[in-house]
Each structure stands twice: as C-alpha cells, then as structure tokens.
Amino acid sequence: MKDEQQPLTPEDMAHCAEEPIHIPGAIQPHGILLACQGPELRLLQVSANLGEFVPAKIEELLGQPIALLLGENQSAKLQALLQTQAFPAANPLHVELGERAFDGIAHDSEGVTVLELEPCSADQPAAATDLLQAVGRLRTSGNLNELHRIAVEAVRELTDFDRVMLYQFDDDGHGEVVAEAKAHDLEPYLGLHYPAADIPAQARELYRRNWLRIIPDAAYTPVPLIPAQRPDTRRPLDMSCSVLRSVSPVHREYMANAGFRASMSVSLLRGDKLWGLIACVHGSPRRVPYVTRQACETIGQLMSLQTSALLELEERAARQQKQAVLERLQRALTSSEEEIPAALLREPVALLELTGARGAALVIDGHIDTAGTCPPEHELDGIVELALGQQREGLFRTEQLPLLHPPAARYADVAAGVLAVVIPKPGRNGVVWLLPEQQTLVNWAGKPVKKVEPTADGIRLHPRRSFALWQDQVRGRSRRWHPVEIWAATELRRLAMELDLGRQVKRERVAVQAREELLGVVSHDLRTPLSVTLIQTALIKRMLASEASNRDRLWHALERIEAAGNRMRSLIEDLLLANRFETGSFALEARPMKAREAMNETLQLLRPIAEAKGVALLDNQHSETVINADPDRLFQILLNLVSNAIRFTPEGGRVTLTTDDLADSVEFSVQDTGPGIPASEQQRIFERFHGSGVAGGLGLGLYIARNIVKAHGGEIEVESEPGTGSTFRFRIPRGEPHPR
C-alpha cells in the first residue's frame, strides 16, 4: 500500500460514489435479519447469526413459512399488520423468540418483506417526557441558530452521546458544523468543514431516504446473509432501508481514524432534498434503544419542518424586496421599443440590485454592453461564451469561474462568480451578472487527502488519518448566489420572454393584417390594367378577323395594352420595394452627385405633363452642393412628389421645386397650390396603402419615398392647410448615407 496521502480528485469522488453500499450482503451483528416473501412469508434469506439469538438451524428454515420460527400467533399478527395502512408506521413490533424479546422493524424491499429484530434493552428509557420538552423548545425557537442549538442539545440529552453536531451540506456536497453539544473535555468542532468525500453521493441518497442511521460499534465483524443472493432473482437483497445494514469498510476505517466507535445520524430534509444531518459520535460502543431513536427521529422531522418554515419566511421577505426591483425593470422593458434585453440598460442600478451583483453584461445579438464593474470587453467574450454555451434550461451559475475558465484567474477580483440567463432569440442574447472573489479562510477537519491501495479490482481508497485542524485560504471563489437571487434572475428572464413573445405576436398580427390589406389592394388595383389588357386583346382579335380593320385603331389598342402592362409592372415593383423595406433587405447604390441633377431630370420629364394640364412647373433651385446619394432612388422620390403635386393642382395653379443648402444637408421641397391636406391626414399619408385606389395606385408612393429618405439618413415632412396647398420637404445629409 502507498502510505503517502494524496489530495482528493474528481476521479476519487466518482470512485467513492460507485461503491454499492446498498447491497452489502451483510448486517451489523447486534440484531437479526429475516427476508420473507409470499402470503405465508416464506424465508428467502436469514442472517448467519440467527443461532446466536435462538436455537435454530438456518438450513431447516429457508423456504419455510416464518411461522416455523415465530409461531402461529406472532406470524398471523405480522401477516395481518402487513395488509394494513399502519405498516410500516407500526414499527417497532413486539416479537418474542423463546424467552427473549425483540423490537421488530419491518419494511418492504422490492417485493420482499424484511423483518429486522433488535434485542430489547433490559431497562427501556422513558423518552416521551424528554421528547415533549424538546418539542416545546423547538416550536418556540425564533431563528435558525437557536433552532440548531436546541436540536443538538435535545438529542444529546436523549442519547448521552459524547458529541452531537448539526452538519449542514453545501451545494457541492461538503458539510459544515453549524451547531454542537459536547462533553466538556472535548475540543470544539463548531465551524469545521468536512469534504464531500466523507459522505459520498450514494450515502447522501440513503440518508435522504431514511430518517435515522445507527452504528452501535464500528469495530464489528459483518454478518453475511444466507444465501448471499435472493433465490428468486439471483441478485443481492437491496438493503437501502435496512436499519442493520452493514456499513462500508471505508466508513468504519474513517470512524477509527476519527477516534470514535459509535455513531448515529438523523437526517434533516427540506422538501425532498437532504439539507443536513444531526450527527452523533461516541468514543466507545453505544446502543441506543429503538424508542429513543424514534424520539430523535421525531426531533429531526420537526426540525426539518421548522427549518423549512424559517427559510421560507426569509426567502419570502427577500422575494418581496426583489419583486419591487423586478417591477422597475419590467417598466423599463415595457416602456421602451428597444430590443430585449437592451432596454434593461435604462435601469443599470436595478439590474445590479436584482442579484446583488457588482457588474452585469447585456448580450444583444452577440454585442455586449455593460453596467457596473466588469472585466475588459475582450475578457467578457470568454465569460459570455462559457455562460451561454453551458446553460441548462436557460440558466448558468458558478461561484468558481476560474475553475471552469482559467483566464478568469487574472480578473477574479472582478468576476469570480457568474449568474446568467439566456433569452431565446436569434443570435446570442442574455444577461450575465458578475461577483468578485471573496477570499476566505476555511477550517477543515483534517486535510482532504486519501491513501490509495492497489487491489485485484483496481484501487481502494482509504480515508485520511488525521482530523487535526487544517486551514485553507480559498481564492478565486465568490460568495454563494442566494436562491432568491437565482429566482429573481429567472423571473426577469420569464418577464423578458413573455414581453418579447407578446411583441412577436403583435408583429405577426400586423403582418397578417398587412398581407390581407395587400391582397385586397392588389386584387383591386391590378384588376383595372388587366381588364384593359383583356378588352384591348379581344378588340385586336376582332379587328384582325374583320376586313374593316385599320392600322390606326390597331396601333391605338396596342398602345393601351403597353400602358396597362407598364402600370402593372410599376405596381409590382412598388410592392417588391415595400417588401424590401419590411424585411430590411433594401440597400442604396450611392455615388457623389449634385443635388440639382435629380431635380433637373424630374423637371424635364414632367414639364410636358404639367403644361398639358395648365399647371406651371417652376424651378427655384439654389443649391450647387455635391451630395452622396443613390440617383435612381432620389429621382424616384422627386418623381412621386412632383407627380402628386401636378395631379392635385387645378388648372392655372403652380408647382415649385426648390433646393437649399443647410448646415449639414441639402433640403429639397415641392410646393403646390392644390386643395391641401387636413391635419388629421398629414401623418397617415406616409403609411403603407394609404390612399390606395387613387388614380389606380396602391397607396405606396409616399410610404416608399419616406423609407428611401430614411435610408439616406434624412427625414421627410409635410406642411399643408386646406385651401392653400401643400409643401413636402426632405433633407439629404451631405455625409455618408445610412447603411441600409
């Protein structure tokens, strides 16, 4: 065997957790185990020490009804009890074998009735009075510290163990002594920490399932079951709930190294989770009668309820405080049109207060914004990648970031603890809270090391030999994230998701409505040119079939078909352009140009139309400035505005085109002397499909014009009063256009 002590590793922890302690195939020698099956309770397995308690031959009992051992009366009572709801709450059962009396403890194990018999003490203690006094004190305790103190004192009074400790588990499985009652000559263990390997995962699970566990004398020789396996399944008997179950050799060695011979543990639960243990130890063998153990179990159950109630009160008060902070953040989300979670930056103090963090990072489509104290942005990328990549059900949490992300050791003073929530959207989106390291000095009950012994099956771990105080300076670890802080973070995630989903639903409804409007408008406005096309086509067919057809009439019909086709093409192009605005796929093709270029082209094209209608088209340009714009799109804006002005200006009126240089832009304006636009309509005219059906249009002209101007980084507006005409103005910045 290697004698050197080695630090515990995760592999060691996994090895400890693999030990099948629930199927040892043996019991402690202070009692008898009988495994029975069927209506007659035929004996499947019997502990090998049966003959030490009663004169009986095991080989003659196996396969026989239990009545052969207990007698018909006791067997009938046991069979009747097993059929009632009182089983196993009726434990202990009074059982007599020969002249000896036993406490019988029965339970079911995978279809097998397991009856364990412990000899009754000559003088059974009157635990009821002590229990009632302890219960009264527990019920009046007002805080956790007082509750813990009362519990360990009460259990020690009942059992007279040398030392009774309240051992609380941390999330990582290690434990801390938070209360203690002891003999005066013993050193205090209060405040000592014990590594998770002392009580590995499968042992904690058995503690969770059983309220009490006792080892009267660890220096025992295990008593095997006969036969070693169940005859019906050829597998070992599951002894998870057996009070006599033989314990792991490693644990017995641990007890010897720690200097005690007897131990008893009472489980403390919060809900269905193991919260802690009342751990009792004694320097010499110590039997605790079943009735006393029942009293201790009752204390454990009552304390579990009291602990849960006190913790729930604390958490409820903390949640109320967090709820007020959540409401501030909710208002920030709902009052802003910004993308979630960007709107949270409006309340940076509340964002940090929600979890007690010192810093926070908001991840918006992969981009990171910060609040409070955070590492440099290039370091944050790694934290965000880890947190959002390793989240489970939208949540990630650690108090030891450097263990998961070694570069974090450089900035542990800022970010050693991480709490993150993911907001499910395209791209990376979420909130990451940060806590600085909290350097602490931890007192351990011995250095967490082990000895390794090679065996035929691999290795065997041995517990540490020394339990002397060993101090460890903990670095790179933050304080623990409080359950209420984790709750608050998940609540914020829920609120953000609900709001984001609501906005998505609203957008979808708007999109559906827009599609319905589009279908109605398109079906109406494309019907006219299509009808013209069909009518003129039919006319041509008749003309070609008739000898009276002539060239002029045929040419005129073809011109009308061409005009109708061009109109349909224009309508379709407007629809496609409007769709590009909606999807964000619209892009400009900008180049340097003079502001007057597009204006001159518009004047040249539309002057004949204005003159034909008797409308004066006036050129009032003052700008020679070079702008960076898309010529075709700028011409499209002007063509739309000037065409509308000519259309709505009566004969004898005028339309004036003006350009002026401003400080950082060029202003284009189109002024007419038409009927004007009511104030109630002046903002709506820029909406999609407003005015559809007028002059065969879809009502997209001004909507398209506004979006092209915005794409250049400018704005468009209208001034109008009924009876005096209208003026449309838009500005194009001199700098680079917007990159849409």
Foldseek 3Di string as FASTA:
>chain_A
DDPDWFFDDVVNLVVLQPPPLQFPQWFFPQWKKFKAADLLRQTQKIWPCPCVPAPDDPVVRHRHRCCVQQNDVVSVVVSVVVPDPCPPVPFQDWGDGVNWIWGWHWDDFPRIIMIMTGTFDPDADPCPVLLVVLLVQLVPDDADLSNQASLQVSLCVLFVFQKKFWWFADPVQKTATCYIDHDPPDDDRHQAIEDNSLQRDVNQVLCLVEFKEKDQFLPGDITGMVPSPGPVPRHGTRNSPPNGRNGDPQNSLVCVLVQFTIKMWGFADAPSHTGIITIGTHNHGGDRGPVSVVSSSVSRVSSNVVVNVNVVVVLVVVLVVLVVLLVVQLCQVVVDPDAPPVSSVVPLVSVCVNQVFQKKWWADLNDTDIGGDDDDPVVVSVVLCVFVVPDDPFKDWDQQVCVVPVVCVVVLQRALIWIKGFQDDPHGGTMIGGHHKDWDKHWHQDRNIWDWAQDPVGIDTHGDNGRPIDIDTDTSGHDDRDPSSNVSRVVSSVSSNVVVVVVVVVVVVVVVVVVVLVVVLCVVLLVVLVVLLVVLVVVLVVLVVDPPRDDVSNVVSVVSNVVSVVLNVVQVVLVVLVVCLVVVNDFADKDKDFPCPLVVVLCVVCVVVLVVQQEAEEEAEDGRDIAIGRSVLVNLLVNLVVVVQSVQAHHPWYWYWYWDDDPFWIKTKIWIQGQWDDPVCFVVLLDFQVPRPVVSHSSRSSVSSQSRLVQLVKGKGKDTDGRGTIMIMMIHGRDGGHGD
